[in-house]
């Protein structure tokens, strides 16, 4: 699966063949088809595992935090760190958005993340830590910022901690200078 991730990320889903994957790992097609019915099944399994792993990474990052605002910040940081540490998987996720067969799975995962974020936002609103507003809309905005930042700036030379700091600052305080 690691070889498949690398090849899919480099050549794209359409540009990758089963023959190329098995050749890379020194196996035959029979071994591949013992585990997967098709290239689509392999790609789908990698996406499923990636989404589960990402959710675990996010959950671990916020597990010991009682402050909903800090949980949002930790979730943004965890997401960007995961994508930076797993650039090939992130490239696959980006490809999957363009493939009808996988888009619905990503949309479901996105809705779960946004729903979870909305719960943190709503708790922050209820506790007077976040301005009153539509928690679901605010969760979409936070998700949109983190996703766009990852798409645009997650590169090998990126300082992910600085990127996360800027993303968190923007999501939590916007563009206003609240210091003055």
C-alpha atoms as a PDB file:
ATOM      1  CA  UNK A   1       0.000   0.000   0.000  1.00  0.00           C
ATOM      2  CA  UNK A   2       2.919   2.356   0.682  1.00  0.00           C
ATOM      3  CA  UNK A   3       4.164   1.867  -2.873  1.00  0.00           C
ATOM      4  CA  UNK A   4       0.663   2.483  -4.210  1.00  0.00           C
ATOM      5  CA  UNK A   5       0.358   5.710  -2.209  1.00  0.00           C
ATOM      6  CA  UNK A   6       3.646   6.990  -3.568  1.00  0.00           C
ATOM      7  CA  UNK A   7       2.809   6.056  -7.167  1.00  0.00           C
ATOM      8  CA  UNK A   8      -0.753   7.396  -6.987  1.00  0.00           C
ATOM      9  CA  UNK A   9       0.580  10.665  -5.532  1.00  0.00           C
ATOM     10  CA  UNK A  10       3.223  10.989  -8.255  1.00  0.00           C
ATOM     11  CA  UNK A  11       1.285   9.805 -11.311  1.00  0.00           C
ATOM     12  CA  UNK A  12      -2.329  10.234 -10.313  1.00  0.00           C
ATOM     13  CA  UNK A  13      -5.059   7.651 -10.102  1.00  0.00           C
ATOM     14  CA  UNK A  14      -5.612   7.480 -13.856  1.00  0.00           C
ATOM     15  CA  UNK A  15      -1.887   7.370 -14.606  1.00  0.00           C
ATOM     16  CA  UNK A  16      -1.182   4.454 -12.260  1.00  0.00           C
ATOM     17  CA  UNK A  17      -1.621   0.823 -13.236  1.00  0.00           C
ATOM     18  CA  UNK A  18      -1.811  -2.324 -11.117  1.00  0.00           C
ATOM     19  CA  UNK A  19       1.170  -3.650 -13.096  1.00  0.00           C
ATOM     20  CA  UNK A  20       3.229  -0.641 -12.051  1.00  0.00           C
ATOM     21  CA  UNK A  21       2.322  -1.050  -8.382  1.00  0.00           C
ATOM     22  CA  UNK A  22       3.176  -4.753  -8.252  1.00  0.00           C
ATOM     23  CA  UNK A  23       6.363  -4.225 -10.256  1.00  0.00           C
ATOM     24  CA  UNK A  24       7.468  -1.603  -7.726  1.00  0.00           C
ATOM     25  CA  UNK A  25       7.105  -4.047  -4.821  1.00  0.00           C
ATOM     26  CA  UNK A  26       8.376  -7.076  -6.726  1.00  0.00           C
ATOM     27  CA  UNK A  27       5.121  -9.024  -6.603  1.00  0.00           C
ATOM     28  CA  UNK A  28       2.819 -10.490  -9.195  1.00  0.00           C
ATOM     29  CA  UNK A  29      -0.660  -9.363 -10.137  1.00  0.00           C
ATOM     30  CA  UNK A  30      -2.065 -12.488  -8.483  1.00  0.00           C
ATOM     31  CA  UNK A  31      -0.853 -11.247  -5.108  1.00  0.00           C
ATOM     32  CA  UNK A  32      -2.478  -7.885  -5.737  1.00  0.00           C
ATOM     33  CA  UNK A  33      -5.817  -9.446  -6.685  1.00  0.00           C
ATOM     34  CA  UNK A  34      -5.674 -11.708  -3.636  1.00  0.00           C
ATOM     35  CA  UNK A  35      -6.076  -8.566  -1.505  1.00  0.00           C
ATOM     36  CA  UNK A  36      -7.920  -6.142  -3.784  1.00  0.00           C
ATOM     37  CA  UNK A  37     -10.558  -6.575  -6.466  1.00  0.00           C
ATOM     38  CA  UNK A  38      -9.284  -3.619  -8.464  1.00  0.00           C
ATOM     39  CA  UNK A  39      -7.152  -0.502  -8.493  1.00  0.00           C
ATOM     40  CA  UNK A  40     -10.278   1.375  -7.388  1.00  0.00           C
ATOM     41  CA  UNK A  41     -10.649  -0.920  -4.369  1.00  0.00           C
ATOM     42  CA  UNK A  42      -7.032  -0.300  -3.366  1.00  0.00           C
ATOM     43  CA  UNK A  43      -7.388   3.467  -3.772  1.00  0.00           C
ATOM     44  CA  UNK A  44     -10.637   3.393  -1.763  1.00  0.00           C
ATOM     45  CA  UNK A  45      -9.021   1.392   1.030  1.00  0.00           C
ATOM     46  CA  UNK A  46      -6.125   3.824   1.223  1.00  0.00           C
ATOM     47  CA  UNK A  47      -8.599   6.719   1.439  1.00  0.00           C
ATOM     48  CA  UNK A  48     -10.592   4.948   4.160  1.00  0.00           C
ATOM     49  CA  UNK A  49      -7.466   4.257   6.219  1.00  0.00           C
ATOM     50  CA  UNK A  50      -6.201   7.807   5.710  1.00  0.00           C
ATOM     51  CA  UNK A  51      -9.446   9.364   6.931  1.00  0.00           C
ATOM     52  CA  UNK A  52      -9.500   7.076   9.986  1.00  0.00           C
ATOM     53  CA  UNK A  53      -5.851   7.822  10.755  1.00  0.00           C
ATOM     54  CA  UNK A  54      -6.399  11.568  10.367  1.00  0.00           C
ATOM     55  CA  UNK A  55      -9.396  11.462  12.735  1.00  0.00           C
ATOM     56  CA  UNK A  56      -7.342   9.542  15.312  1.00  0.00           C
ATOM     57  CA  UNK A  57      -4.515  12.062  14.992  1.00  0.00           C
ATOM     58  CA  UNK A  58      -6.954  14.940  15.536  1.00  0.00           C
ATOM     59  CA  UNK A  59      -8.686  13.165  18.436  1.00  0.00           C
ATOM     60  CA  UNK A  60      -5.370  12.439  20.149  1.00  0.00           C
ATOM     61  CA  UNK A  61      -4.366  16.086  19.787  1.00  0.00           C
ATOM     62  CA  UNK A  62      -7.468  17.384  21.589  1.00  0.00           C
ATOM     63  CA  UNK A  63      -8.146  14.516  24.002  1.00  0.00           C
ATOM     64  CA  UNK A  64      -6.788  16.170  27.158  1.00  0.00           C
ATOM     65  CA  UNK A  65      -8.175  19.643  26.499  1.00  0.00           C
ATOM     66  CA  UNK A  66     -11.279  21.053  28.205  1.00  0.00           C
ATOM     67  CA  UNK A  67     -11.225  24.455  26.472  1.00  0.00           C
ATOM     68  CA  UNK A  68     -13.283  24.367  23.245  1.00  0.00           C
ATOM     69  CA  UNK A  69     -11.297  27.237  21.689  1.00  0.00           C
ATOM     70  CA  UNK A  70      -8.024  25.471  22.402  1.00  0.00           C
ATOM     71  CA  UNK A  71      -9.492  22.228  20.971  1.00  0.00           C
ATOM     72  CA  UNK A  72     -10.226  24.086  17.737  1.00  0.00           C
ATOM     73  CA  UNK A  73      -6.658  25.421  17.652  1.00  0.00           C
ATOM     74  CA  UNK A  74      -5.197  21.992  18.418  1.00  0.00           C
ATOM     75  CA  UNK A  75      -7.408  20.429  15.728  1.00  0.00           C
ATOM     76  CA  UNK A  76      -6.175  22.887  13.099  1.00  0.00           C
ATOM     77  CA  UNK A  77      -2.572  22.289  14.140  1.00  0.00           C
ATOM     78  CA  UNK A  78      -3.026  18.513  14.108  1.00  0.00           C
ATOM     79  CA  UNK A  79      -4.620  18.556  10.661  1.00  0.00           C
ATOM     80  CA  UNK A  80      -1.850  20.653   9.128  1.00  0.00           C
ATOM     81  CA  UNK A  81       0.836  18.560  10.837  1.00  0.00           C
ATOM     82  CA  UNK A  82      -0.771  15.329   9.583  1.00  0.00           C
ATOM     83  CA  UNK A  83      -0.923  16.634   6.027  1.00  0.00           C
ATOM     84  CA  UNK A  84       2.660  17.888   6.170  1.00  0.00           C
ATOM     85  CA  UNK A  85       3.881  14.565   7.546  1.00  0.00           C
ATOM     86  CA  UNK A  86       1.856  12.621   4.968  1.00  0.00           C
ATOM     87  CA  UNK A  87       2.178  14.671   1.789  1.00  0.00           C
ATOM     88  CA  UNK A  88       1.633  11.661  -0.476  1.00  0.00           C
ATOM     89  CA  UNK A  89      -1.629  10.829   1.299  1.00  0.00           C
ATOM     90  CA  UNK A  90      -2.694  14.470   1.091  1.00  0.00           C
ATOM     91  CA  UNK A  91      -1.997  14.413  -2.661  1.00  0.00           C
ATOM     92  CA  UNK A  92      -4.195  11.334  -2.959  1.00  0.00           C
ATOM     93  CA  UNK A  93      -7.010  13.016  -1.033  1.00  0.00           C
ATOM     94  CA  UNK A  94      -6.811  15.963  -3.384  1.00  0.00           C
ATOM     95  CA  UNK A  95      -7.008  13.631  -6.400  1.00  0.00           C
ATOM     96  CA  UNK A  96      -9.962  11.786  -4.897  1.00  0.00           C
ATOM     97  CA  UNK A  97     -12.046  14.979  -4.970  1.00  0.00           C
ATOM     98  CA  UNK A  98     -11.826  14.885  -8.764  1.00  0.00           C
ATOM     99  CA  UNK A  99     -13.002  11.261  -9.082  1.00  0.00           C
ATOM    100  CA  UNK A 100     -16.739  10.673  -8.842  1.00  0.00           C
ATOM    101  CA  UNK A 101     -16.325   7.217  -7.297  1.00  0.00           C
ATOM    102  CA  UNK A 102     -14.475   8.659  -4.269  1.00  0.00           C
ATOM    103  CA  UNK A 103     -15.970  12.121  -3.813  1.00  0.00           C
ATOM    104  CA  UNK A 104     -18.939  10.922  -1.733  1.00  0.00           C
ATOM    105  CA  UNK A 105     -16.629   9.217   0.778  1.00  0.00           C
ATOM    106  CA  UNK A 106     -14.631  12.425   1.163  1.00  0.00           C
ATOM    107  CA  UNK A 107     -17.782  14.503   1.512  1.00  0.00           C
ATOM    108  CA  UNK A 108     -18.972  12.203   4.307  1.00  0.00           C
ATOM    109  CA  UNK A 109     -15.639  12.545   6.090  1.00  0.00           C
ATOM    110  CA  UNK A 110     -15.712  16.301   5.635  1.00  0.00           C
ATOM    111  CA  UNK A 111     -19.182  16.530   7.151  1.00  0.00           C
ATOM    112  CA  UNK A 112     -18.045  14.535  10.203  1.00  0.00           C
ATOM    113  CA  UNK A 113     -15.085  16.873  10.766  1.00  0.00           C
ATOM    114  CA  UNK A 114     -17.248  19.961  10.284  1.00  0.00           C
ATOM    115  CA  UNK A 115     -19.903  18.533  12.625  1.00  0.00           C
ATOM    116  CA  UNK A 116     -17.304  17.863  15.300  1.00  0.00           C
ATOM    117  CA  UNK A 117     -15.850  21.340  14.871  1.00  0.00           C
ATOM    118  CA  UNK A 118     -19.341  22.838  15.126  1.00  0.00           C
ATOM    119  CA  UNK A 119     -19.772  21.106  18.504  1.00  0.00           C
ATOM    120  CA  UNK A 120     -16.584  22.756  19.777  1.00  0.00           C
ATOM    121  CA  UNK A 121     -17.710  26.112  18.371  1.00  0.00           C
ATOM    122  CA  UNK A 122     -21.162  25.769  19.943  1.00  0.00           C
ATOM    123  CA  UNK A 123     -19.609  24.908  23.297  1.00  0.00           C
ATOM    124  CA  UNK A 124     -17.392  27.987  22.960  1.00  0.00           C
ATOM    125  CA  UNK A 125     -20.430  30.131  22.174  1.00  0.00           C
ATOM    126  CA  UNK A 126     -22.340  28.687  25.134  1.00  0.00           C
ATOM    127  CA  UNK A 127     -19.407  29.386  27.460  1.00  0.00           C
ATOM    128  CA  UNK A 128     -19.047  32.955  26.161  1.00  0.00           C
ATOM    129  CA  UNK A 129     -15.647  32.288  24.601  1.00  0.00           C
ATOM    130  CA  UNK A 130     -16.723  32.633  20.970  1.00  0.00           C
ATOM    131  CA  UNK A 131     -18.940  35.362  19.559  1.00  0.00           C
ATOM    132  CA  UNK A 132     -22.552  34.411  19.020  1.00  0.00           C
ATOM    133  CA  UNK A 133     -23.110  33.047  15.550  1.00  0.00           C
ATOM    134  CA  UNK A 134     -24.073  30.025  13.524  1.00  0.00           C
ATOM    135  CA  UNK A 135     -21.769  27.276  14.816  1.00  0.00           C
ATOM    136  CA  UNK A 136     -22.121  25.216  11.650  1.00  0.00           C
ATOM    137  CA  UNK A 137     -21.228  28.156   9.412  1.00  0.00           C
ATOM    138  CA  UNK A 138     -18.234  29.012  11.596  1.00  0.00           C
ATOM    139  CA  UNK A 139     -17.113  25.359  11.496  1.00  0.00           C
ATOM    140  CA  UNK A 140     -17.308  25.427   7.690  1.00  0.00           C
ATOM    141  CA  UNK A 141     -15.205  28.601   7.675  1.00  0.00           C
ATOM    142  CA  UNK A 142     -12.568  27.046   9.945  1.00  0.00           C
ATOM    143  CA  UNK A 143     -12.488  23.901   7.817  1.00  0.00           C
ATOM    144  CA  UNK A 144     -12.241  26.001   4.665  1.00  0.00           C
ATOM    145  CA  UNK A 145      -9.292  27.989   5.978  1.00  0.00           C
ATOM    146  CA  UNK A 146      -7.387  24.904   7.137  1.00  0.00           C
ATOM    147  CA  UNK A 147      -8.096  23.000   3.934  1.00  0.00           C
ATOM    148  CA  UNK A 148      -7.160  25.857   1.630  1.00  0.00           C
ATOM    149  CA  UNK A 149      -3.999  26.599   3.582  1.00  0.00           C
ATOM    150  CA  UNK A 150      -3.005  22.930   3.367  1.00  0.00           C
ATOM    151  CA  UNK A 151      -3.690  22.832  -0.386  1.00  0.00           C
ATOM    152  CA  UNK A 152      -1.755  25.983  -1.064  1.00  0.00           C
ATOM    153  CA  UNK A 153       1.126  25.884   1.396  1.00  0.00           C
ATOM    154  CA  UNK A 154       1.909  22.306   2.441  1.00  0.00           C
ATOM    155  CA  UNK A 155       5.182  21.826   0.626  1.00  0.00           C
ATOM    156  CA  UNK A 156       8.472  20.213   1.557  1.00  0.00           C
ATOM    157  CA  UNK A 157      10.086  23.501   2.569  1.00  0.00           C
ATOM    158  CA  UNK A 158       7.106  24.811   4.528  1.00  0.00           C
ATOM    159  CA  UNK A 159       7.527  25.638   8.214  1.00  0.00           C
ATOM    160  CA  UNK A 160       4.384  23.830   9.318  1.00  0.00           C
ATOM    161  CA  UNK A 161       4.432  25.259  12.827  1.00  0.00           C
ATOM    162  CA  UNK A 162       4.450  28.822  11.469  1.00  0.00           C
ATOM    163  CA  UNK A 163       1.741  27.898   8.978  1.00  0.00           C
ATOM    164  CA  UNK A 164      -0.343  26.442  11.820  1.00  0.00           C
ATOM    165  CA  UNK A 165       0.269  29.517  13.996  1.00  0.00           C
ATOM    166  CA  UNK A 166      -0.966  31.821  11.218  1.00  0.00           C
ATOM    167  CA  UNK A 167      -3.969  29.594  10.467  1.00  0.00           C
ATOM    168  CA  UNK A 168      -4.987  29.350  14.115  1.00  0.00           C
ATOM    169  CA  UNK A 169      -4.537  33.097  14.624  1.00  0.00           C
ATOM    170  CA  UNK A 170      -6.706  33.822  11.615  1.00  0.00           C
ATOM    171  CA  UNK A 171      -9.427  31.335  12.582  1.00  0.00           C
ATOM    172  CA  UNK A 172      -9.562  32.543  16.173  1.00  0.00           C
ATOM    173  CA  UNK A 173      -9.114  36.310  15.724  1.00  0.00           C
ATOM    174  CA  UNK A 174      -9.572  37.071  12.044  1.00  0.00           C
ATOM    175  CA  UNK A 175      -7.671  39.911  10.473  1.00  0.00           C
ATOM    176  CA  UNK A 176      -8.428  42.528  13.118  1.00  0.00           C
ATOM    177  CA  UNK A 177      -5.661  43.864  15.364  1.00  0.00           C
ATOM    178  CA  UNK A 178      -7.358  43.342  18.706  1.00  0.00           C
ATOM    179  CA  UNK A 179      -4.216  44.534  20.538  1.00  0.00           C
ATOM    180  CA  UNK A 180      -4.668  48.202  19.618  1.00  0.00           C
END
